[in-house]
C-alpha atoms as a PDB file:
ATOM      1  CA  UNK A   1       0.000   0.000   0.000  1.00  0.00           C
ATOM      2  CA  UNK A   2       1.256   3.443  -0.954  1.00  0.00           C
ATOM      3  CA  UNK A   3       0.962   6.247   1.631  1.00  0.00           C
ATOM      4  CA  UNK A   4       0.906   9.805   0.282  1.00  0.00           C
ATOM      5  CA  UNK A   5       1.062  12.941   2.446  1.00  0.00           C
ATOM      6  CA  UNK A   6      -0.656  16.156   1.357  1.00  0.00           C
ATOM      7  CA  UNK A   7       1.819  18.746   0.102  1.00  0.00           C
ATOM      8  CA  UNK A   8       0.583  21.378   2.564  1.00  0.00           C
ATOM      9  CA  UNK A   9      -0.404  20.146   6.009  1.00  0.00           C
ATOM     10  CA  UNK A  10       0.599  20.384   9.663  1.00  0.00           C
ATOM     11  CA  UNK A  11       1.856  23.336  11.706  1.00  0.00           C
ATOM     12  CA  UNK A  12       0.953  26.738  10.276  1.00  0.00           C
ATOM     13  CA  UNK A  13       3.289  29.638  11.015  1.00  0.00           C
ATOM     14  CA  UNK A  14       1.033  31.024  13.778  1.00  0.00           C
ATOM     15  CA  UNK A  15       0.918  27.722  15.657  1.00  0.00           C
ATOM     16  CA  UNK A  16       4.632  27.075  15.147  1.00  0.00           C
ATOM     17  CA  UNK A  17       5.423  30.534  16.526  1.00  0.00           C
ATOM     18  CA  UNK A  18       3.193  30.003  19.582  1.00  0.00           C
ATOM     19  CA  UNK A  19       4.656  26.580  20.410  1.00  0.00           C
ATOM     20  CA  UNK A  20       8.286  27.636  19.944  1.00  0.00           C
ATOM     21  CA  UNK A  21       7.893  30.757  22.106  1.00  0.00           C
ATOM     22  CA  UNK A  22       6.134  28.718  24.789  1.00  0.00           C
ATOM     23  CA  UNK A  23       8.966  26.184  24.821  1.00  0.00           C
ATOM     24  CA  UNK A  24      11.473  29.032  25.183  1.00  0.00           C
ATOM     25  CA  UNK A  25       9.690  30.655  28.125  1.00  0.00           C
ATOM     26  CA  UNK A  26       9.180  27.270  29.827  1.00  0.00           C
ATOM     27  CA  UNK A  27      12.900  26.532  29.553  1.00  0.00           C
ATOM     28  CA  UNK A  28      13.677  29.757  31.431  1.00  0.00           C
ATOM     29  CA  UNK A  29      10.910  29.752  34.064  1.00  0.00           C
ATOM     30  CA  UNK A  30      10.303  27.831  37.314  1.00  0.00           C
ATOM     31  CA  UNK A  31       7.807  24.997  36.880  1.00  0.00           C
ATOM     32  CA  UNK A  32       4.197  26.034  37.412  1.00  0.00           C
ATOM     33  CA  UNK A  33       4.741  29.749  36.759  1.00  0.00           C
ATOM     34  CA  UNK A  34       3.753  29.755  33.072  1.00  0.00           C
ATOM     35  CA  UNK A  35       0.002  29.626  32.522  1.00  0.00           C
ATOM     36  CA  UNK A  36      -2.233  29.247  29.484  1.00  0.00           C
ATOM     37  CA  UNK A  37      -5.879  30.297  29.707  1.00  0.00           C
ATOM     38  CA  UNK A  38      -7.391  27.471  27.699  1.00  0.00           C
ATOM     39  CA  UNK A  39      -5.349  25.294  25.382  1.00  0.00           C
ATOM     40  CA  UNK A  40      -2.616  27.207  23.578  1.00  0.00           C
ATOM     41  CA  UNK A  41      -3.546  25.364  20.355  1.00  0.00           C
ATOM     42  CA  UNK A  42      -6.067  22.650  19.496  1.00  0.00           C
ATOM     43  CA  UNK A  43      -3.817  19.597  19.587  1.00  0.00           C
ATOM     44  CA  UNK A  44      -3.930  17.402  22.732  1.00  0.00           C
ATOM     45  CA  UNK A  45      -0.587  15.556  22.194  1.00  0.00           C
ATOM     46  CA  UNK A  46       1.263  18.860  21.804  1.00  0.00           C
ATOM     47  CA  UNK A  47      -0.449  20.341  24.870  1.00  0.00           C
ATOM     48  CA  UNK A  48       0.465  17.226  26.849  1.00  0.00           C
ATOM     49  CA  UNK A  49       4.124  17.680  25.904  1.00  0.00           C
ATOM     50  CA  UNK A  50       4.030  21.335  26.952  1.00  0.00           C
ATOM     51  CA  UNK A  51       2.386  20.409  30.262  1.00  0.00           C
ATOM     52  CA  UNK A  52       5.168  17.900  30.869  1.00  0.00           C
ATOM     53  CA  UNK A  53       7.566  20.807  30.306  1.00  0.00           C
ATOM     54  CA  UNK A  54       5.842  22.814  33.042  1.00  0.00           C
ATOM     55  CA  UNK A  55       2.929  24.603  31.350  1.00  0.00           C
ATOM     56  CA  UNK A  56      -0.086  25.122  33.616  1.00  0.00           C
ATOM     57  CA  UNK A  57      -3.321  25.080  31.595  1.00  0.00           C
ATOM     58  CA  UNK A  58      -6.314  26.707  33.313  1.00  0.00           C
ATOM     59  CA  UNK A  59      -9.900  27.296  32.233  1.00  0.00           C
ATOM     60  CA  UNK A  60     -10.156  30.616  34.040  1.00  0.00           C
ATOM     61  CA  UNK A  61      -7.740  33.282  35.296  1.00  0.00           C
ATOM     62  CA  UNK A  62      -9.139  32.841  38.816  1.00  0.00           C
ATOM     63  CA  UNK A  63      -7.388  29.438  38.944  1.00  0.00           C
ATOM     64  CA  UNK A  64      -3.932  31.050  38.752  1.00  0.00           C
ATOM     65  CA  UNK A  65      -2.236  31.483  42.112  1.00  0.00           C
ATOM     66  CA  UNK A  66       1.076  33.128  42.882  1.00  0.00           C
ATOM     67  CA  UNK A  67       1.578  35.213  39.748  1.00  0.00           C
ATOM     68  CA  UNK A  68       3.857  34.280  36.870  1.00  0.00           C
ATOM     69  CA  UNK A  69       3.437  34.545  33.114  1.00  0.00           C
ATOM     70  CA  UNK A  70       0.077  34.245  31.351  1.00  0.00           C
ATOM     71  CA  UNK A  71       0.142  33.219  27.706  1.00  0.00           C
ATOM     72  CA  UNK A  72      -2.407  34.667  25.321  1.00  0.00           C
ATOM     73  CA  UNK A  73      -3.280  31.625  23.233  1.00  0.00           C
ATOM     74  CA  UNK A  74      -2.890  31.506  19.443  1.00  0.00           C
ATOM     75  CA  UNK A  75      -6.641  32.110  19.029  1.00  0.00           C
ATOM     76  CA  UNK A  76      -6.439  35.325  21.053  1.00  0.00           C
ATOM     77  CA  UNK A  77      -8.363  36.399  24.160  1.00  0.00           C
ATOM     78  CA  UNK A  78     -11.136  38.976  24.623  1.00  0.00           C
ATOM     79  CA  UNK A  79      -9.902  42.393  25.858  1.00  0.00           C
ATOM     80  CA  UNK A  80     -11.663  41.901  29.206  1.00  0.00           C
ATOM     81  CA  UNK A  81      -9.647  38.723  29.880  1.00  0.00           C
ATOM     82  CA  UNK A  82      -6.412  40.492  28.950  1.00  0.00           C
ATOM     83  CA  UNK A  83      -7.260  43.367  31.300  1.00  0.00           C
ATOM     84  CA  UNK A  84      -8.109  40.930  34.094  1.00  0.00           C
ATOM     85  CA  UNK A  85      -4.726  39.209  33.692  1.00  0.00           C
ATOM     86  CA  UNK A  86      -2.977  42.574  33.949  1.00  0.00           C
ATOM     87  CA  UNK A  87      -5.045  43.518  37.007  1.00  0.00           C
ATOM     88  CA  UNK A  88      -3.908  40.284  38.661  1.00  0.00           C
ATOM     89  CA  UNK A  89      -0.291  41.319  38.180  1.00  0.00           C
ATOM     90  CA  UNK A  90       0.492  38.603  35.636  1.00  0.00           C
ATOM     91  CA  UNK A  91       3.175  39.140  33.022  1.00  0.00           C
ATOM     92  CA  UNK A  92       1.589  38.697  29.585  1.00  0.00           C
ATOM     93  CA  UNK A  93       3.141  36.933  26.602  1.00  0.00           C
ATOM     94  CA  UNK A  94       0.962  37.535  23.558  1.00  0.00           C
ATOM     95  CA  UNK A  95       1.019  34.503  21.259  1.00  0.00           C
ATOM     96  CA  UNK A  96      -2.045  35.485  19.250  1.00  0.00           C
ATOM     97  CA  UNK A  97      -1.671  34.466  15.606  1.00  0.00           C
ATOM     98  CA  UNK A  98      -0.730  37.573  13.570  1.00  0.00           C
ATOM     99  CA  UNK A  99      -3.695  36.918  11.268  1.00  0.00           C
ATOM    100  CA  UNK A 100      -6.073  36.966  14.246  1.00  0.00           C
ATOM    101  CA  UNK A 101      -4.430  40.197  15.445  1.00  0.00           C
ATOM    102  CA  UNK A 102      -5.258  41.652  12.016  1.00  0.00           C
ATOM    103  CA  UNK A 103      -8.902  40.601  12.457  1.00  0.00           C
ATOM    104  CA  UNK A 104      -8.989  42.238  15.888  1.00  0.00           C
ATOM    105  CA  UNK A 105      -7.644  45.501  14.443  1.00  0.00           C
ATOM    106  CA  UNK A 106     -10.183  45.446  11.604  1.00  0.00           C
ATOM    107  CA  UNK A 107     -13.015  44.993  14.101  1.00  0.00           C
ATOM    108  CA  UNK A 108     -11.794  47.873  16.258  1.00  0.00           C
ATOM    109  CA  UNK A 109     -11.722  50.187  13.227  1.00  0.00           C
ATOM    110  CA  UNK A 110     -15.146  49.032  12.034  1.00  0.00           C
ATOM    111  CA  UNK A 111     -16.593  49.574  15.495  1.00  0.00           C
ATOM    112  CA  UNK A 112     -15.158  53.079  15.591  1.00  0.00           C
ATOM    113  CA  UNK A 113     -16.779  53.778  12.196  1.00  0.00           C
ATOM    114  CA  UNK A 114     -20.147  52.449  13.451  1.00  0.00           C
ATOM    115  CA  UNK A 115     -20.473  49.435  11.151  1.00  0.00           C
ATOM    116  CA  UNK A 116     -22.705  46.478  11.928  1.00  0.00           C
ATOM    117  CA  UNK A 117     -20.198  43.604  12.088  1.00  0.00           C
ATOM    118  CA  UNK A 118     -21.052  40.086  10.915  1.00  0.00           C
ATOM    119  CA  UNK A 119     -18.598  37.287  11.748  1.00  0.00           C
ATOM    120  CA  UNK A 120     -18.733  33.857  10.092  1.00  0.00           C
ATOM    121  CA  UNK A 121     -17.665  31.217  12.612  1.00  0.00           C
ATOM    122  CA  UNK A 122     -18.525  28.901  15.474  1.00  0.00           C
ATOM    123  CA  UNK A 123     -19.785  30.960  18.458  1.00  0.00           C
ATOM    124  CA  UNK A 124     -17.997  28.744  21.002  1.00  0.00           C
ATOM    125  CA  UNK A 125     -14.655  28.718  19.186  1.00  0.00           C
ATOM    126  CA  UNK A 126     -12.002  30.677  21.160  1.00  0.00           C
ATOM    127  CA  UNK A 127     -11.014  32.784  18.148  1.00  0.00           C
ATOM    128  CA  UNK A 128     -14.626  33.850  17.615  1.00  0.00           C
ATOM    129  CA  UNK A 129     -15.012  34.593  21.339  1.00  0.00           C
ATOM    130  CA  UNK A 130     -11.930  36.799  21.108  1.00  0.00           C
ATOM    131  CA  UNK A 131     -13.288  38.642  18.057  1.00  0.00           C
ATOM    132  CA  UNK A 132     -16.697  39.038  19.699  1.00  0.00           C
ATOM    133  CA  UNK A 133     -14.945  40.577  22.706  1.00  0.00           C
ATOM    134  CA  UNK A 134     -13.115  43.042  20.467  1.00  0.00           C
ATOM    135  CA  UNK A 135     -16.496  44.028  18.999  1.00  0.00           C
ATOM    136  CA  UNK A 136     -17.625  44.872  22.567  1.00  0.00           C
ATOM    137  CA  UNK A 137     -20.281  42.189  22.244  1.00  0.00           C
ATOM    138  CA  UNK A 138     -21.962  43.920  19.308  1.00  0.00           C
ATOM    139  CA  UNK A 139     -21.023  41.606  16.411  1.00  0.00           C
ATOM    140  CA  UNK A 140     -23.523  39.227  14.819  1.00  0.00           C
ATOM    141  CA  UNK A 141     -22.166  35.654  14.708  1.00  0.00           C
ATOM    142  CA  UNK A 142     -23.379  33.398  11.872  1.00  0.00           C
ATOM    143  CA  UNK A 143     -22.460  29.758  11.310  1.00  0.00           C
ATOM    144  CA  UNK A 144     -23.267  29.911   7.610  1.00  0.00           C
ATOM    145  CA  UNK A 145     -25.699  31.188   4.973  1.00  0.00           C
ATOM    146  CA  UNK A 146     -28.766  29.780   6.748  1.00  0.00           C
ATOM    147  CA  UNK A 147     -28.210  32.175   9.667  1.00  0.00           C
ATOM    148  CA  UNK A 148     -28.118  35.267   7.466  1.00  0.00           C
ATOM    149  CA  UNK A 149     -31.882  35.566   6.931  1.00  0.00           C
ATOM    150  CA  UNK A 150     -32.485  36.272  10.633  1.00  0.00           C
ATOM    151  CA  UNK A 151     -30.242  39.361  10.604  1.00  0.00           C
ATOM    152  CA  UNK A 152     -32.018  42.724  10.729  1.00  0.00           C
ATOM    153  CA  UNK A 153     -29.569  44.908   8.834  1.00  0.00           C
ATOM    154  CA  UNK A 154     -31.715  46.621   6.190  1.00  0.00           C
ATOM    155  CA  UNK A 155     -30.313  50.033   5.285  1.00  0.00           C
ATOM    156  CA  UNK A 156     -27.265  49.647   7.563  1.00  0.00           C
ATOM    157  CA  UNK A 157     -23.535  49.908   6.918  1.00  0.00           C
ATOM    158  CA  UNK A 158     -22.416  46.292   7.226  1.00  0.00           C
ATOM    159  CA  UNK A 159     -18.987  44.648   7.342  1.00  0.00           C
ATOM    160  CA  UNK A 160     -18.405  40.902   7.021  1.00  0.00           C
ATOM    161  CA  UNK A 161     -15.380  38.882   8.073  1.00  0.00           C
ATOM    162  CA  UNK A 162     -14.636  35.310   9.028  1.00  0.00           C
ATOM    163  CA  UNK A 163     -13.032  33.065  11.587  1.00  0.00           C
ATOM    164  CA  UNK A 164      -9.620  32.419  10.026  1.00  0.00           C
ATOM    165  CA  UNK A 165     -10.083  28.635   9.770  1.00  0.00           C
ATOM    166  CA  UNK A 166     -13.422  28.618   7.924  1.00  0.00           C
ATOM    167  CA  UNK A 167     -13.676  26.885   4.563  1.00  0.00           C
ATOM    168  CA  UNK A 168     -13.616  29.113   1.491  1.00  0.00           C
ATOM    169  CA  UNK A 169     -16.782  27.466   0.158  1.00  0.00           C
ATOM    170  CA  UNK A 170     -18.734  28.388   3.293  1.00  0.00           C
ATOM    171  CA  UNK A 171     -17.324  31.915   3.141  1.00  0.00           C
ATOM    172  CA  UNK A 172     -18.439  32.400  -0.485  1.00  0.00           C
ATOM    173  CA  UNK A 173     -21.907  30.916   0.138  1.00  0.00           C
ATOM    174  CA  UNK A 174     -22.445  33.182   3.141  1.00  0.00           C
ATOM    175  CA  UNK A 175     -21.325  36.291   1.251  1.00  0.00           C
ATOM    176  CA  UNK A 176     -23.664  35.359  -1.602  1.00  0.00           C
ATOM    177  CA  UNK A 177     -26.601  35.066   0.803  1.00  0.00           C
ATOM    178  CA  UNK A 178     -25.706  38.396   2.424  1.00  0.00           C
ATOM    179  CA  UNK A 179     -25.636  40.118  -0.957  1.00  0.00           C
ATOM    180  CA  UNK A 180     -28.931  38.603  -2.134  1.00  0.00           C
ATOM    181  CA  UNK A 181     -31.183  38.821   0.914  1.00  0.00           C
ATOM    182  CA  UNK A 182     -31.014  42.420   2.104  1.00  0.00           C
ATOM    183  CA  UNK A 183     -30.362  45.937   0.832  1.00  0.00           C
ATOM    184  CA  UNK A 184     -27.640  47.714   2.755  1.00  0.00           C
ATOM    185  CA  UNK A 185     -26.421  51.262   2.765  1.00  0.00           C
ATOM    186  CA  UNK A 186     -22.976  49.677   2.349  1.00  0.00           C
ATOM    187  CA  UNK A 187     -21.558  46.136   2.476  1.00  0.00           C
ATOM    188  CA  UNK A 188     -17.820  45.585   3.003  1.00  0.00           C
ATOM    189  CA  UNK A 189     -16.333  42.101   2.682  1.00  0.00           C
ATOM    190  CA  UNK A 190     -13.042  41.216   4.391  1.00  0.00           C
ATOM    191  CA  UNK A 191     -11.510  37.869   3.406  1.00  0.00           C
ATOM    192  CA  UNK A 192      -9.842  36.961   6.702  1.00  0.00           C
ATOM    193  CA  UNK A 193      -9.452  33.230   6.017  1.00  0.00           C
ATOM    194  CA  UNK A 194      -5.866  32.153   6.699  1.00  0.00           C
ATOM    195  CA  UNK A 195      -3.931  31.699   3.452  1.00  0.00           C
ATOM    196  CA  UNK A 196      -2.251  28.597   4.917  1.00  0.00           C
ATOM    197  CA  UNK A 197      -5.693  27.145   5.660  1.00  0.00           C
ATOM    198  CA  UNK A 198      -6.624  27.701   2.004  1.00  0.00           C
ATOM    199  CA  UNK A 199      -3.421  25.978   0.838  1.00  0.00           C
ATOM    200  CA  UNK A 200      -4.080  23.012   3.158  1.00  0.00           C
ATOM    201  CA  UNK A 201      -7.633  22.654   1.907  1.00  0.00           C
ATOM    202  CA  UNK A 202      -6.495  22.806  -1.727  1.00  0.00           C
ATOM    203  CA  UNK A 203      -3.741  20.189  -1.386  1.00  0.00           C
ATOM    204  CA  UNK A 204      -6.004  17.950   0.731  1.00  0.00           C
ATOM    205  CA  UNK A 205      -8.766  18.101  -1.898  1.00  0.00           C
ATOM    206  CA  UNK A 206      -6.293  17.266  -4.665  1.00  0.00           C
ATOM    207  CA  UNK A 207      -5.029  14.242  -2.739  1.00  0.00           C
ATOM    208  CA  UNK A 208      -8.517  13.052  -1.759  1.00  0.00           C
ATOM    209  CA  UNK A 209      -9.440  12.788  -5.446  1.00  0.00           C
ATOM    210  CA  UNK A 210      -6.536  10.404  -6.079  1.00  0.00           C
ATOM    211  CA  UNK A 211      -6.616   7.900  -3.188  1.00  0.00           C
ATOM    212  CA  UNK A 212      -8.811   5.105  -1.810  1.00  0.00           C
ATOM    213  CA  UNK A 213      -8.905   6.294   1.808  1.00  0.00           C
ATOM    214  CA  UNK A 214      -7.945   9.470   3.697  1.00  0.00           C
ATOM    215  CA  UNK A 215      -6.621   9.782   7.243  1.00  0.00           C
ATOM    216  CA  UNK A 216      -6.807  13.252   8.799  1.00  0.00           C
ATOM    217  CA  UNK A 217      -4.695  13.973  11.905  1.00  0.00           C
ATOM    218  CA  UNK A 218      -5.636  16.705  14.363  1.00  0.00           C
ATOM    219  CA  UNK A 219      -7.428  17.606  17.563  1.00  0.00           C
ATOM    220  CA  UNK A 220     -11.136  16.813  17.664  1.00  0.00           C
ATOM    221  CA  UNK A 221     -11.763  20.367  18.834  1.00  0.00           C
ATOM    222  CA  UNK A 222      -9.735  21.796  15.933  1.00  0.00           C
ATOM    223  CA  UNK A 223     -11.975  23.721  13.537  1.00  0.00           C
ATOM    224  CA  UNK A 224      -9.569  23.579  10.613  1.00  0.00           C
ATOM    225  CA  UNK A 225      -9.037  19.814  11.064  1.00  0.00           C
ATOM    226  CA  UNK A 226     -12.791  19.169  11.070  1.00  0.00           C
ATOM    227  CA  UNK A 227     -13.015  21.274   7.924  1.00  0.00           C
ATOM    228  CA  UNK A 228     -10.425  18.999   6.262  1.00  0.00           C
ATOM    229  CA  UNK A 229     -12.399  15.887   7.250  1.00  0.00           C
ATOM    230  CA  UNK A 230     -15.599  17.285   5.724  1.00  0.00           C
ATOM    231  CA  UNK A 231     -13.674  18.345   2.629  1.00  0.00           C
ATOM    232  CA  UNK A 232     -12.343  14.802   2.136  1.00  0.00           C
ATOM    233  CA  UNK A 233     -15.798  13.299   2.573  1.00  0.00           C
ATOM    234  CA  UNK A 234     -17.236  15.751   0.049  1.00  0.00           C
ATOM    235  CA  UNK A 235     -14.992  14.011  -2.495  1.00  0.00           C
ATOM    236  CA  UNK A 236     -16.689  10.689  -1.650  1.00  0.00           C
ATOM    237  CA  UNK A 237     -13.584   9.046  -0.225  1.00  0.00           C
ATOM    238  CA  UNK A 238     -13.638   7.099   3.048  1.00  0.00           C
ATOM    239  CA  UNK A 239     -12.114   9.449   5.606  1.00  0.00           C
ATOM    240  CA  UNK A 240     -11.041   8.977   9.226  1.00  0.00           C
ATOM    241  CA  UNK A 241     -10.227  11.645  11.820  1.00  0.00           C
ATOM    242  CA  UNK A 242      -7.618  10.678  14.425  1.00  0.00           C
ATOM    243  CA  UNK A 243      -5.501  12.481  17.003  1.00  0.00           C
ATOM    244  CA  UNK A 244      -2.737   9.877  17.371  1.00  0.00           C
ATOM    245  CA  UNK A 245      -1.406   6.757  15.647  1.00  0.00           C
ATOM    246  CA  UNK A 246      -2.890   4.633  18.456  1.00  0.00           C
ATOM    247  CA  UNK A 247      -6.363   5.229  16.981  1.00  0.00           C
ATOM    248  CA  UNK A 248      -5.577   3.597  13.629  1.00  0.00           C
ATOM    249  CA  UNK A 249      -7.661   0.521  12.790  1.00  0.00           C
ATOM    250  CA  UNK A 250      -6.021  -2.036  10.448  1.00  0.00           C
ATOM    251  CA  UNK A 251      -9.415  -2.876   8.911  1.00  0.00           C
ATOM    252  CA  UNK A 252      -9.533   0.609   7.366  1.00  0.00           C
ATOM    253  CA  UNK A 253      -6.803  -0.440   4.949  1.00  0.00           C
ATOM    254  CA  UNK A 254      -8.095  -3.827   3.773  1.00  0.00           C
ATOM    255  CA  UNK A 255      -7.935  -3.906  -0.025  1.00  0.00           C
ATOM    256  CA  UNK A 256      -6.509  -0.378  -0.165  1.00  0.00           C
ATOM    257  CA  UNK A 257      -3.808   0.497  -2.694  1.00  0.00           C
ATOM    258  CA  UNK A 258      -3.367   4.213  -1.989  1.00  0.00           C
ATOM    259  CA  UNK A 259      -3.838   5.964   1.350  1.00  0.00           C
ATOM    260  CA  UNK A 260      -3.827   9.748   1.652  1.00  0.00           C
ATOM    261  CA  UNK A 261      -2.642  11.510   4.802  1.00  0.00           C
ATOM    262  CA  UNK A 262      -3.237  15.115   5.820  1.00  0.00           C
ATOM    263  CA  UNK A 263      -3.196  17.077   9.069  1.00  0.00           C
ATOM    264  CA  UNK A 264      -4.644  20.189  10.665  1.00  0.00           C
ATOM    265  CA  UNK A 265      -2.717  23.386  11.316  1.00  0.00           C
ATOM    266  CA  UNK A 266      -1.998  22.433  14.952  1.00  0.00           C
ATOM    267  CA  UNK A 267      -0.504  19.014  14.151  1.00  0.00           C
ATOM    268  CA  UNK A 268       3.298  18.792  14.583  1.00  0.00           C
ATOM    269  CA  UNK A 269       5.619  17.066  12.107  1.00  0.00           C
ATOM    270  CA  UNK A 270       6.490  14.319  14.595  1.00  0.00           C
ATOM    271  CA  UNK A 271       2.819  13.323  14.882  1.00  0.00           C
ATOM    272  CA  UNK A 272       2.436  13.159  11.087  1.00  0.00           C
ATOM    273  CA  UNK A 273       5.596  11.056  10.863  1.00  0.00           C
ATOM    274  CA  UNK A 274       4.385   8.648  13.573  1.00  0.00           C
ATOM    275  CA  UNK A 275       1.042   8.127  11.844  1.00  0.00           C
ATOM    276  CA  UNK A 276       2.637   7.640   8.436  1.00  0.00           C
ATOM    277  CA  UNK A 277       5.042   5.016   9.772  1.00  0.00           C
ATOM    278  CA  UNK A 278       2.198   3.243  11.591  1.00  0.00           C
ATOM    279  CA  UNK A 279       0.067   3.139   8.424  1.00  0.00           C
ATOM    280  CA  UNK A 280       3.012   1.801   6.425  1.00  0.00           C
ATOM    281  CA  UNK A 281       3.478  -0.980   8.983  1.00  0.00           C
ATOM    282  CA  UNK A 282      -0.220  -1.839   8.808  1.00  0.00           C
ATOM    283  CA  UNK A 283      -0.062  -1.763   5.011  1.00  0.00           C
ATOM    284  CA  UNK A 284       2.827  -4.204   4.872  1.00  0.00           C
ATOM    285  CA  UNK A 285       0.943  -6.602   7.167  1.00  0.00           C
ATOM    286  CA  UNK A 286      -2.165  -6.381   4.975  1.00  0.00           C
ATOM    287  CA  UNK A 287      -0.071  -7.149   1.894  1.00  0.00           C
ATOM    288  CA  UNK A 288       1.455 -10.189   3.614  1.00  0.00           C
ATOM    289  CA  UNK A 289      -2.030 -11.528   4.384  1.00  0.00           C
ATOM    290  CA  UNK A 290      -3.081 -11.081   0.753  1.00  0.00           C
ATOM    291  CA  UNK A 291      -0.013 -12.929  -0.494  1.00  0.00           C
END
């Protein structure tokens, strides 16, 4: 069985930057003094490694005792959370993805200019929560085109942007619905989808069209990984979402000649390598049985 890895997959530059800077600060700080409010990135094996290196992951700032350094996760934090961390005397290390920082700046400017802001994304995703916070709780969150009809924006100045890990197809469909359903005084569209996300989706789609089965590696709470899984399935290829090589099932590869492998933006190279090697071992065993 041949195993092919998507040309563009794994760590994006924002995630790589966040992980590397966290490793640096952990190496120079007493254990238990570096805190992350929520998971730094959406990849459990990577978070586990960072925790072993001394990272303290908390759900709320109130859980932090004794000061130290608070990391602003790659998805960003709402301004109120950042202010609370400062009020608690914590040293802040901002690891927000530069593309998310750009979104935050756009929202601040739009708010100042009195636009109605519409954000495409999952309301409970940390990036969207951060953006909603920067809008001072005034943005309208939509999951897709079906949510657009409920918006009451007739005759308003409207600006639309997206969670950075949304699929381009969903973005285009939502914009189309916005343009067709209501008459605005003005409608501004900001394409804030991460260019690396677009590249990953493109190379994953190309691979999915050529193989018999797809394996997608990434955290189950990772929006961009789930998007890759749905993208693979839209090409009518059997597709499996795993976090680690331990989840592989040999039966997935019975009678398979070509297996495609891709990974979300928070998946490190070592995890991709482990899964590839595990699939190759399974493939050789399947071939032996056939012979």
